[in-house]
Amino acid sequence: LHMWDLVTGSCTALLARQPHRVKCVAVSQVDDLAVSGDDAGHVLVWDLQAGACRAELAGHTRAVDDVCVSPCGQKALSYCQGNTLRVWDLKTGTCTA
């Protein structure tokens, strides 16, 4: 994943490479973190300050098509092919629904 400066158009950071094709990314409004989903079913939580993966949220078996982070920054939602929707607690990394 690359982080871009929207004013200059330059790449400001390259986060660790995700082994599969990234399909979606959501950035928290309150914390310096992002959540990404890929075509192999991985959901990764990224620490944007450190530029590193903070956690992998395991549970999907198909490509993750969409992710979002709650406005409070404490939960994430992921949707994968096959109509599976998961709710994640970003502090513990556990699936809550």
PDB file of N, CA and C in Angstrom:
ATOM      1  N   LEU A   1       0.844  -1.181   0.000  1.00  0.00           N
ATOM      2  CA  LEU A   1       0.000   0.000   0.000  1.00  0.00           C
ATOM      3  C   LEU A   1       0.885   1.239   0.000  1.00  0.00           C
ATOM      4  N   HIS A   2       0.504   2.219  -0.782  1.00  0.00           N
ATOM      5  CA  HIS A   2       1.224   3.491  -0.844  1.00  0.00           C
ATOM      6  C   HIS A   2       0.391   4.582  -0.174  1.00  0.00           C
ATOM      7  N   MET A   3       1.051   5.481   0.531  1.00  0.00           N
ATOM      8  CA  MET A   3       0.388   6.668   1.071  1.00  0.00           C
ATOM      9  C   MET A   3       0.807   7.844   0.208  1.00  0.00           C
ATOM     10  N   TRP A   4      -0.162   8.691  -0.178  1.00  0.00           N
ATOM     11  CA  TRP A   4       0.085   9.778  -1.110  1.00  0.00           C
ATOM     12  C   TRP A   4      -0.238  11.123  -0.484  1.00  0.00           C
ATOM     13  N   ASP A   5       0.568  12.106  -0.778  1.00  0.00           N
ATOM     14  CA  ASP A   5       0.286  13.492  -0.412  1.00  0.00           C
ATOM     15  C   ASP A   5      -0.638  14.042  -1.492  1.00  0.00           C
ATOM     16  N   LEU A   6      -1.865  14.398  -1.121  1.00  0.00           N
ATOM     17  CA  LEU A   6      -2.837  14.828  -2.110  1.00  0.00           C
ATOM     18  C   LEU A   6      -2.548  16.215  -2.680  1.00  0.00           C
ATOM     19  N   VAL A   7      -1.734  16.983  -1.999  1.00  0.00           N
ATOM     20  CA  VAL A   7      -1.379  18.316  -2.500  1.00  0.00           C
ATOM     21  C   VAL A   7      -0.270  18.215  -3.547  1.00  0.00           C
ATOM     22  N   THR A   8       0.795  17.469  -3.212  1.00  0.00           N
ATOM     23  CA  THR A   8       1.941  17.390  -4.121  1.00  0.00           C
ATOM     24  C   THR A   8       1.834  16.229  -5.115  1.00  0.00           C
ATOM     25  N   GLY A   9       1.011  15.243  -4.785  1.00  0.00           N
ATOM     26  CA  GLY A   9       0.892  14.073  -5.647  1.00  0.00           C
ATOM     27  C   GLY A   9       2.039  13.096  -5.511  1.00  0.00           C
ATOM     28  N   SER A  10       2.851  13.269  -4.480  1.00  0.00           N
ATOM     29  CA  SER A  10       3.994  12.371  -4.299  1.00  0.00           C
ATOM     30  C   SER A  10       3.691  11.296  -3.256  1.00  0.00           C
ATOM     31  N   CYS A  11       4.365  10.163  -3.405  1.00  0.00           N
ATOM     32  CA  CYS A  11       4.229   9.065  -2.453  1.00  0.00           C
ATOM     33  C   CYS A  11       5.018   9.422  -1.195  1.00  0.00           C
ATOM     34  N   THR A  12       4.357   9.378  -0.035  1.00  0.00           N
ATOM     35  CA  THR A  12       5.021   9.734   1.217  1.00  0.00           C
ATOM     36  C   THR A  12       5.471   8.513   2.010  1.00  0.00           C
ATOM     37  N   ALA A  13       4.876   7.357   1.725  1.00  0.00           N
ATOM     38  CA  ALA A  13       5.263   6.138   2.442  1.00  0.00           C
ATOM     39  C   ALA A  13       4.798   4.917   1.668  1.00  0.00           C
ATOM     40  N   LEU A  14       5.553   3.859   1.804  1.00  0.00           N
ATOM     41  CA  LEU A  14       5.166   2.562   1.258  1.00  0.00           C
ATOM     42  C   LEU A  14       5.016   1.618   2.432  1.00  0.00           C
ATOM     43  N   LEU A  15       3.786   1.211   2.688  1.00  0.00           N
ATOM     44  CA  LEU A  15       3.544   0.267   3.772  1.00  0.00           C
ATOM     45  C   LEU A  15       3.983  -1.117   3.308  1.00  0.00           C
ATOM     46  N   ALA A  16       4.197  -1.999   4.252  1.00  0.00           N
ATOM     47  CA  ALA A  16       4.633  -3.356   3.915  1.00  0.00           C
ATOM     48  C   ALA A  16       3.724  -3.932   2.830  1.00  0.00           C
ATOM     49  N   ARG A  17       4.311  -4.678   1.956  1.00  0.00           N
ATOM     50  CA  ARG A  17       3.541  -5.218   0.834  1.00  0.00           C
ATOM     51  C   ARG A  17       2.567  -6.288   1.303  1.00  0.00           C
ATOM     52  N   GLN A  18       1.324  -6.158   0.852  1.00  0.00           N
ATOM     53  CA  GLN A  18       0.320  -7.169   1.109  1.00  0.00           C
ATOM     54  C   GLN A  18       0.511  -8.251   0.055  1.00  0.00           C
ATOM     55  N   PRO A  19       0.533  -9.542   0.443  1.00  0.00           N
ATOM     56  CA  PRO A  19       0.905 -10.595  -0.499  1.00  0.00           C
ATOM     57  C   PRO A  19      -0.093 -10.801  -1.652  1.00  0.00           C
ATOM     58  N   HIS A  20      -1.301 -10.335  -1.494  1.00  0.00           N
ATOM     59  CA  HIS A  20      -2.319 -10.511  -2.527  1.00  0.00           C
ATOM     60  C   HIS A  20      -2.844  -9.151  -2.978  1.00  0.00           C
ATOM     61  N   ARG A  21      -3.573  -9.132  -4.075  1.00  0.00           N
ATOM     62  CA  ARG A  21      -4.084  -7.881  -4.640  1.00  0.00           C
ATOM     63  C   ARG A  21      -5.077  -7.212  -3.695  1.00  0.00           C
ATOM     64  N   VAL A  22      -4.781  -5.972  -3.324  1.00  0.00           N
ATOM     65  CA  VAL A  22      -5.653  -5.196  -2.444  1.00  0.00           C
ATOM     66  C   VAL A  22      -6.877  -4.759  -3.229  1.00  0.00           C
ATOM     67  N   LYS A  23      -8.061  -4.999  -2.661  1.00  0.00           N
ATOM     68  CA  LYS A  23      -9.310  -4.649  -3.329  1.00  0.00           C
ATOM     69  C   LYS A  23      -9.990  -3.437  -2.705  1.00  0.00           C
ATOM     70  N   CYS A  24      -9.699  -3.158  -1.422  1.00  0.00           N
ATOM     71  CA  CYS A  24     -10.388  -2.063  -0.742  1.00  0.00           C
ATOM     72  C   CYS A  24      -9.573  -1.589   0.453  1.00  0.00           C
ATOM     73  N   VAL A  25      -9.742  -0.306   0.783  1.00  0.00           N
ATOM     74  CA  VAL A  25      -9.052   0.309   1.921  1.00  0.00           C
ATOM     75  C   VAL A  25      -9.996   1.310   2.567  1.00  0.00           C
ATOM     76  N   ALA A  26      -9.979   1.373   3.891  1.00  0.00           N
ATOM     77  CA  ALA A  26     -10.716   2.394   4.639  1.00  0.00           C
ATOM     78  C   ALA A  26      -9.777   2.985   5.680  1.00  0.00           C
ATOM     79  N   VAL A  27      -9.862   4.297   5.879  1.00  0.00           N
ATOM     80  CA  VAL A  27      -9.005   4.997   6.834  1.00  0.00           C
ATOM     81  C   VAL A  27      -9.865   5.488   7.993  1.00  0.00           C
ATOM     82  N   SER A  28      -9.372   5.293   9.205  1.00  0.00           N
ATOM     83  CA  SER A  28     -10.073   5.760  10.399  1.00  0.00           C
ATOM     84  C   SER A  28     -10.063   7.285  10.459  1.00  0.00           C
ATOM     85  N   GLN A  29     -11.163   7.851  10.925  1.00  0.00           N
ATOM     86  CA  GLN A  29     -11.272   9.297  11.080  1.00  0.00           C
ATOM     87  C   GLN A  29     -10.634   9.792  12.374  1.00  0.00           C
ATOM     88  N   VAL A  30     -10.428   8.899  13.342  1.00  0.00           N
ATOM     89  CA  VAL A  30      -9.944   9.336  14.653  1.00  0.00           C
ATOM     90  C   VAL A  30      -8.566   8.786  15.021  1.00  0.00           C
ATOM     91  N   ASP A  31      -8.178   7.664  14.474  1.00  0.00           N
ATOM     92  CA  ASP A  31      -6.877   7.062  14.776  1.00  0.00           C
ATOM     93  C   ASP A  31      -6.040   7.040  13.511  1.00  0.00           C
ATOM     94  N   ASP A  32      -4.742   6.882  13.672  1.00  0.00           N
ATOM     95  CA  ASP A  32      -3.852   6.763  12.523  1.00  0.00           C
ATOM     96  C   ASP A  32      -3.782   5.315  12.080  1.00  0.00           C
ATOM     97  N   LEU A  33      -4.924   4.786  11.616  1.00  0.00           N
ATOM     98  CA  LEU A  33      -4.943   3.420  11.137  1.00  0.00           C
ATOM     99  C   LEU A  33      -5.798   3.311   9.889  1.00  0.00           C
ATOM    100  N   ALA A  34      -5.524   2.260   9.138  1.00  0.00           N
ATOM    101  CA  ALA A  34      -6.305   1.935   7.951  1.00  0.00           C
ATOM    102  C   ALA A  34      -6.581   0.440   7.977  1.00  0.00           C
ATOM    103  N   VAL A  35      -7.626   0.039   7.287  1.00  0.00           N
ATOM    104  CA  VAL A  35      -7.995  -1.364   7.160  1.00  0.00           C
ATOM    105  C   VAL A  35      -8.049  -1.678   5.672  1.00  0.00           C
ATOM    106  N   SER A  36      -7.446  -2.804   5.267  1.00  0.00           N
ATOM    107  CA  SER A  36      -7.472  -3.189   3.861  1.00  0.00           C
ATOM    108  C   SER A  36      -7.992  -4.618   3.725  1.00  0.00           C
ATOM    109  N   GLY A  37      -8.577  -4.898   2.564  1.00  0.00           N
ATOM    110  CA  GLY A  37      -9.039  -6.242   2.238  1.00  0.00           C
ATOM    111  C   GLY A  37      -8.448  -6.660   0.912  1.00  0.00           C
ATOM    112  N   ASP A  38      -8.163  -7.954   0.763  1.00  0.00           N
ATOM    113  CA  ASP A  38      -7.553  -8.399  -0.490  1.00  0.00           C
ATOM    114  C   ASP A  38      -8.323  -9.546  -1.125  1.00  0.00           C
ATOM    115  N   ASP A  39      -7.845  -9.975  -2.294  1.00  0.00           N
ATOM    116  CA  ASP A  39      -8.566 -10.982  -3.055  1.00  0.00           C
ATOM    117  C   ASP A  39      -8.390 -12.401  -2.517  1.00  0.00           C
ATOM    118  N   ALA A  40      -7.621 -12.581  -1.454  1.00  0.00           N
ATOM    119  CA  ALA A  40      -7.452 -13.897  -0.831  1.00  0.00           C
ATOM    120  C   ALA A  40      -8.208 -14.013   0.495  1.00  0.00           C
ATOM    121  N   GLY A  41      -8.977 -12.972   0.857  1.00  0.00           N
ATOM    122  CA  GLY A  41      -9.760 -13.018   2.083  1.00  0.00           C
ATOM    123  C   GLY A  41      -9.083 -12.451   3.307  1.00  0.00           C
ATOM    124  N   HIS A  42      -7.931 -11.801   3.137  1.00  0.00           N
ATOM    125  CA  HIS A  42      -7.222 -11.204   4.273  1.00  0.00           C
ATOM    126  C   HIS A  42      -7.759  -9.806   4.559  1.00  0.00           C
ATOM    127  N   VAL A  43      -7.937  -9.509   5.834  1.00  0.00           N
ATOM    128  CA  VAL A  43      -8.257  -8.161   6.299  1.00  0.00           C
ATOM    129  C   VAL A  43      -7.109  -7.741   7.210  1.00  0.00           C
ATOM    130  N   LEU A  44      -6.410  -6.668   6.819  1.00  0.00           N
ATOM    131  CA  LEU A  44      -5.249  -6.214   7.583  1.00  0.00           C
ATOM    132  C   LEU A  44      -5.508  -4.838   8.174  1.00  0.00           C
ATOM    133  N   VAL A  45      -5.022  -4.633   9.399  1.00  0.00           N
ATOM    134  CA  VAL A  45      -5.103  -3.339  10.076  1.00  0.00           C
ATOM    135  C   VAL A  45      -3.704  -2.737  10.030  1.00  0.00           C
ATOM    136  N   TRP A  46      -3.603  -1.496   9.514  1.00  0.00           N
ATOM    137  CA  TRP A  46      -2.321  -0.820   9.314  1.00  0.00           C
ATOM    138  C   TRP A  46      -2.155   0.338  10.282  1.00  0.00           C
ATOM    139  N   ASP A  47      -0.992   0.430  10.891  1.00  0.00           N
ATOM    140  CA  ASP A  47      -0.610   1.579  11.704  1.00  0.00           C
ATOM    141  C   ASP A  47       0.047   2.573  10.753  1.00  0.00           C
ATOM    142  N   LEU A  48      -0.623   3.682  10.471  1.00  0.00           N
ATOM    143  CA  LEU A  48      -0.131   4.628   9.473  1.00  0.00           C
ATOM    144  C   LEU A  48       1.076   5.424   9.960  1.00  0.00           C
ATOM    145  N   GLN A  49       1.216   5.622  11.260  1.00  0.00           N
ATOM    146  CA  GLN A  49       2.392   6.323  11.789  1.00  0.00           C
ATOM    147  C   GLN A  49       3.636   5.450  11.679  1.00  0.00           C
ATOM    148  N   ALA A  50       3.509   4.185  12.047  1.00  0.00           N
ATOM    149  CA  ALA A  50       4.650   3.263  12.020  1.00  0.00           C
ATOM    150  C   ALA A  50       4.892   2.706  10.618  1.00  0.00           C
ATOM    151  N   GLY A  51       3.853   2.756   9.764  1.00  0.00           N
ATOM    152  CA  GLY A  51       3.988   2.209   8.425  1.00  0.00           C
ATOM    153  C   GLY A  51       4.055   0.695   8.400  1.00  0.00           C
ATOM    154  N   ALA A  52       3.346   0.050   9.342  1.00  0.00           N
ATOM    155  CA  ALA A  52       3.427  -1.404   9.464  1.00  0.00           C
ATOM    156  C   ALA A  52       2.049  -2.005   9.716  1.00  0.00           C
ATOM    157  N   CYS A  53       1.953  -3.294   9.414  1.00  0.00           N
ATOM    158  CA  CYS A  53       0.723  -4.025   9.694  1.00  0.00           C
ATOM    159  C   CYS A  53       0.626  -4.267  11.192  1.00  0.00           C
ATOM    160  N   ARG A  54      -0.501  -3.876  11.769  1.00  0.00           N
ATOM    161  CA  ARG A  54      -0.726  -4.035  13.200  1.00  0.00           C
ATOM    162  C   ARG A  54      -1.405  -5.362  13.530  1.00  0.00           C
ATOM    163  N   ALA A  55      -2.277  -5.837  12.620  1.00  0.00           N
ATOM    164  CA  ALA A  55      -3.007  -7.080  12.885  1.00  0.00           C
ATOM    165  C   ALA A  55      -3.596  -7.619  11.595  1.00  0.00           C
ATOM    166  N   GLU A  56      -3.758  -8.941  11.560  1.00  0.00           N
ATOM    167  CA  GLU A  56      -4.536  -9.579  10.492  1.00  0.00           C
ATOM    168  C   GLU A  56      -5.801 -10.127  11.126  1.00  0.00           C
ATOM    169  N   LEU A  57      -6.945  -9.761  10.548  1.00  0.00           N
ATOM    170  CA  LEU A  57      -8.240 -10.192  11.061  1.00  0.00           C
ATOM    171  C   LEU A  57      -8.685 -11.393  10.239  1.00  0.00           C
ATOM    172  N   ALA A  58      -8.598 -12.579  10.826  1.00  0.00           N
ATOM    173  CA  ALA A  58      -8.866 -13.823  10.100  1.00  0.00           C
ATOM    174  C   ALA A  58     -10.332 -14.218  10.213  1.00  0.00           C
ATOM    175  N   GLY A  59     -10.887 -14.699   9.115  1.00  0.00           N
ATOM    176  CA  GLY A  59     -12.248 -15.188   9.162  1.00  0.00           C
ATOM    177  C   GLY A  59     -12.909 -15.325   7.804  1.00  0.00           C
ATOM    178  N   HIS A  60     -12.448 -14.565   6.813  1.00  0.00           N
ATOM    179  CA  HIS A  60     -13.017 -14.686   5.475  1.00  0.00           C
ATOM    180  C   HIS A  60     -12.279 -15.761   4.688  1.00  0.00           C
ATOM    181  N   THR A  61     -13.014 -16.451   3.823  1.00  0.00           N
ATOM    182  CA  THR A  61     -12.403 -17.490   2.991  1.00  0.00           C
ATOM    183  C   THR A  61     -12.430 -17.121   1.508  1.00  0.00           C
ATOM    184  N   ARG A  62     -13.042 -15.991   1.184  1.00  0.00           N
ATOM    185  CA  ARG A  62     -13.105 -15.508  -0.200  1.00  0.00           C
ATOM    186  C   ARG A  62     -12.631 -14.059  -0.247  1.00  0.00           C
ATOM    187  N   ALA A  63     -12.535 -13.520  -1.451  1.00  0.00           N
ATOM    188  CA  ALA A  63     -12.060 -12.149  -1.647  1.00  0.00           C
ATOM    189  C   ALA A  63     -12.889 -11.154  -0.842  1.00  0.00           C
ATOM    190  N   VAL A  64     -12.200 -10.221  -0.183  1.00  0.00           N
ATOM    191  CA  VAL A  64     -12.869  -9.159   0.583  1.00  0.00           C
ATOM    192  C   VAL A  64     -13.139  -8.008  -0.381  1.00  0.00           C
ATOM    193  N   ASP A  65     -14.411  -7.692  -0.569  1.00  0.00           N
ATOM    194  CA  ASP A  65     -14.819  -6.677  -1.547  1.00  0.00           C
ATOM    195  C   ASP A  65     -14.931  -5.280  -0.964  1.00  0.00           C
ATOM    196  N   ASP A  66     -15.142  -5.171   0.348  1.00  0.00           N
ATOM    197  CA  ASP A  66     -15.303  -3.843   0.932  1.00  0.00           C
ATOM    198  C   ASP A  66     -14.974  -3.878   2.414  1.00  0.00           C
ATOM    199  N   VAL A  67     -14.427  -2.785   2.900  1.00  0.00           N
ATOM    200  CA  VAL A  67     -14.170  -2.586   4.326  1.00  0.00           C
ATOM    201  C   VAL A  67     -14.554  -1.159   4.691  1.00  0.00           C
ATOM    202  N   CYS A  68     -14.899  -0.949   5.939  1.00  0.00           N
ATOM    203  CA  CYS A  68     -15.115   0.407   6.445  1.00  0.00           C
ATOM    204  C   CYS A  68     -14.767   0.424   7.926  1.00  0.00           C
ATOM    205  N   VAL A  69     -14.481   1.610   8.431  1.00  0.00           N
ATOM    206  CA  VAL A  69     -14.157   1.805   9.845  1.00  0.00           C
ATOM    207  C   VAL A  69     -15.234   2.679  10.441  1.00  0.00           C
ATOM    208  N   SER A  70     -15.700   2.325  11.628  1.00  0.00           N
ATOM    209  CA  SER A  70     -16.756   3.096  12.287  1.00  0.00           C
ATOM    210  C   SER A  70     -16.262   4.510  12.598  1.00  0.00           C
ATOM    211  N   PRO A  71     -17.178   5.475  12.696  1.00  0.00           N
ATOM    212  CA  PRO A  71     -16.773   6.852  12.990  1.00  0.00           C
ATOM    213  C   PRO A  71     -15.979   6.994  14.293  1.00  0.00           C
ATOM    214  N   CYS A  72     -16.217   6.116  15.271  1.00  0.00           N
ATOM    215  CA  CYS A  72     -15.484   6.178  16.538  1.00  0.00           C
ATOM    216  C   CYS A  72     -14.114   5.516  16.440  1.00  0.00           C
ATOM    217  N   GLY A  73     -13.865   4.774  15.344  1.00  0.00           N
ATOM    218  CA  GLY A  73     -12.570   4.132  15.144  1.00  0.00           C
ATOM    219  C   GLY A  73     -12.369   2.848  15.922  1.00  0.00           C
ATOM    220  N   GLN A  74     -13.421   2.336  16.566  1.00  0.00           N
ATOM    221  CA  GLN A  74     -13.273   1.143  17.386  1.00  0.00           C
ATOM    222  C   GLN A  74     -13.695  -0.136  16.690  1.00  0.00           C
ATOM    223  N   LYS A  75     -14.484  -0.024  15.633  1.00  0.00           N
ATOM    224  CA  LYS A  75     -14.994  -1.194  14.918  1.00  0.00           C
ATOM    225  C   LYS A  75     -14.674  -1.077  13.435  1.00  0.00           C
ATOM    226  N   ALA A  76     -14.581  -2.218  12.783  1.00  0.00           N
ATOM    227  CA  ALA A  76     -14.452  -2.264  11.326  1.00  0.00           C
ATOM    228  C   ALA A  76     -15.465  -3.276  10.818  1.00  0.00           C
ATOM    229  N   LEU A  77     -15.869  -3.079   9.595  1.00  0.00           N
ATOM    230  CA  LEU A  77     -16.813  -3.957   8.926  1.00  0.00           C
ATOM    231  C   LEU A  77     -16.139  -4.463   7.662  1.00  0.00           C
ATOM    232  N   SER A  78     -16.274  -5.744   7.366  1.00  0.00           N
ATOM    233  CA  SER A  78     -15.723  -6.286   6.123  1.00  0.00           C
ATOM    234  C   SER A  78     -16.778  -7.152   5.452  1.00  0.00           C
ATOM    235  N   TYR A  79     -16.784  -7.086   4.120  1.00  0.00           N
ATOM    236  CA  TYR A  79     -17.739  -7.839   3.318  1.00  0.00           C
ATOM    237  C   TYR A  79     -16.964  -8.625   2.279  1.00  0.00           C
ATOM    238  N   CYS A  80     -17.293  -9.919   2.142  1.00  0.00           N
ATOM    239  CA  CYS A  80     -16.595 -10.720   1.144  1.00  0.00           C
ATOM    240  C   CYS A  80     -17.578 -11.383   0.196  1.00  0.00           C
ATOM    241  N   GLN A  81     -17.024 -11.852  -0.921  1.00  0.00           N
ATOM    242  CA  GLN A  81     -17.830 -12.582  -1.888  1.00  0.00           C
ATOM    243  C   GLN A  81     -18.458 -13.770  -1.180  1.00  0.00           C
ATOM    244  N   GLY A  82     -19.674 -14.076  -1.526  1.00  0.00           N
ATOM    245  CA  GLY A  82     -20.395 -15.124  -0.825  1.00  0.00           C
ATOM    246  C   GLY A  82     -21.304 -14.555   0.241  1.00  0.00           C
ATOM    247  N   ASN A  83     -21.400 -13.215   0.268  1.00  0.00           N
ATOM    248  CA  ASN A  83     -22.321 -12.512   1.164  1.00  0.00           C
ATOM    249  C   ASN A  83     -22.031 -12.715   2.638  1.00  0.00           C
ATOM    250  N   THR A  84     -20.753 -12.687   3.007  1.00  0.00           N
ATOM    251  CA  THR A  84     -20.360 -12.759   4.409  1.00  0.00           C
ATOM    252  C   THR A  84     -19.962 -11.365   4.883  1.00  0.00           C
ATOM    253  N   LEU A  85     -20.594 -10.927   5.958  1.00  0.00           N
ATOM    254  CA  LEU A  85     -20.312  -9.630   6.563  1.00  0.00           C
ATOM    255  C   LEU A  85     -19.796  -9.881   7.969  1.00  0.00           C
ATOM    256  N   ARG A  86     -18.681  -9.239   8.320  1.00  0.00           N
ATOM    257  CA  ARG A  86     -18.110  -9.413   9.659  1.00  0.00           C
ATOM    258  C   ARG A  86     -17.894  -8.054  10.313  1.00  0.00           C
ATOM    259  N   VAL A  87     -18.111  -8.018  11.621  1.00  0.00           N
ATOM    260  CA  VAL A  87     -17.848  -6.830  12.432  1.00  0.00           C
ATOM    261  C   VAL A  87     -16.652  -7.163  13.315  1.00  0.00           C
ATOM    262  N   TRP A  88     -15.646  -6.256  13.317  1.00  0.00           N
ATOM    263  CA  TRP A  88     -14.395  -6.508  14.034  1.00  0.00           C
ATOM    264  C   TRP A  88     -14.187  -5.467  15.120  1.00  0.00           C
ATOM    265  N   ASP A  89     -13.692  -5.905  16.265  1.00  0.00           N
ATOM    266  CA  ASP A  89     -13.236  -5.000  17.311  1.00  0.00           C
ATOM    267  C   ASP A  89     -11.771  -4.703  17.020  1.00  0.00           C
ATOM    268  N   LEU A  90     -11.461  -3.459  16.705  1.00  0.00           N
ATOM    269  CA  LEU A  90     -10.095  -3.113  16.284  1.00  0.00           C
ATOM    270  C   LEU A  90      -9.093  -3.107  17.423  1.00  0.00           C
ATOM    271  N   LYS A  91      -9.542  -3.023  18.659  1.00  0.00           N
ATOM    272  CA  LYS A  91      -8.611  -3.080  19.794  1.00  0.00           C
ATOM    273  C   LYS A  91      -8.156  -4.510  20.082  1.00  0.00           C
ATOM    274  N   THR A  92      -9.086  -5.465  19.966  1.00  0.00           N
ATOM    275  CA  THR A  92      -8.763  -6.852  20.280  1.00  0.00           C
ATOM    276  C   THR A  92      -8.497  -7.702  19.046  1.00  0.00           C
ATOM    277  N   GLY A  93      -8.966  -7.250  17.884  1.00  0.00           N
ATOM    278  CA  GLY A  93      -8.805  -8.018  16.650  1.00  0.00           C
ATOM    279  C   GLY A  93      -9.768  -9.187  16.525  1.00  0.00           C
ATOM    280  N   THR A  94     -10.793  -9.191  17.352  1.00  0.00           N
ATOM    281  CA  THR A  94     -11.758 -10.286  17.318  1.00  0.00           C
ATOM    282  C   THR A  94     -12.988  -9.923  16.505  1.00  0.00           C
ATOM    283  N   CYS A  95     -13.594 -10.959  15.944  1.00  0.00           N
ATOM    284  CA  CYS A  95     -14.845 -10.809  15.205  1.00  0.00           C
ATOM    285  C   CYS A  95     -15.984 -10.804  16.213  1.00  0.00           C
ATOM    286  N   THR A  96     -16.807  -9.753  16.189  1.00  0.00           N
ATOM    287  CA  THR A  96     -17.890  -9.663  17.166  1.00  0.00           C
ATOM    288  C   THR A  96     -19.253 -10.003  16.570  1.00  0.00           C
ATOM    289  N   ALA A  97     -19.332 -10.096  15.247  1.00  0.00           N
ATOM    290  CA  ALA A  97     -20.603 -10.479  14.592  1.00  0.00           C
ATOM    291  C   ALA A  97     -20.330 -10.900  13.180  1.00  0.00           C
TER     292      ALA A  97
END
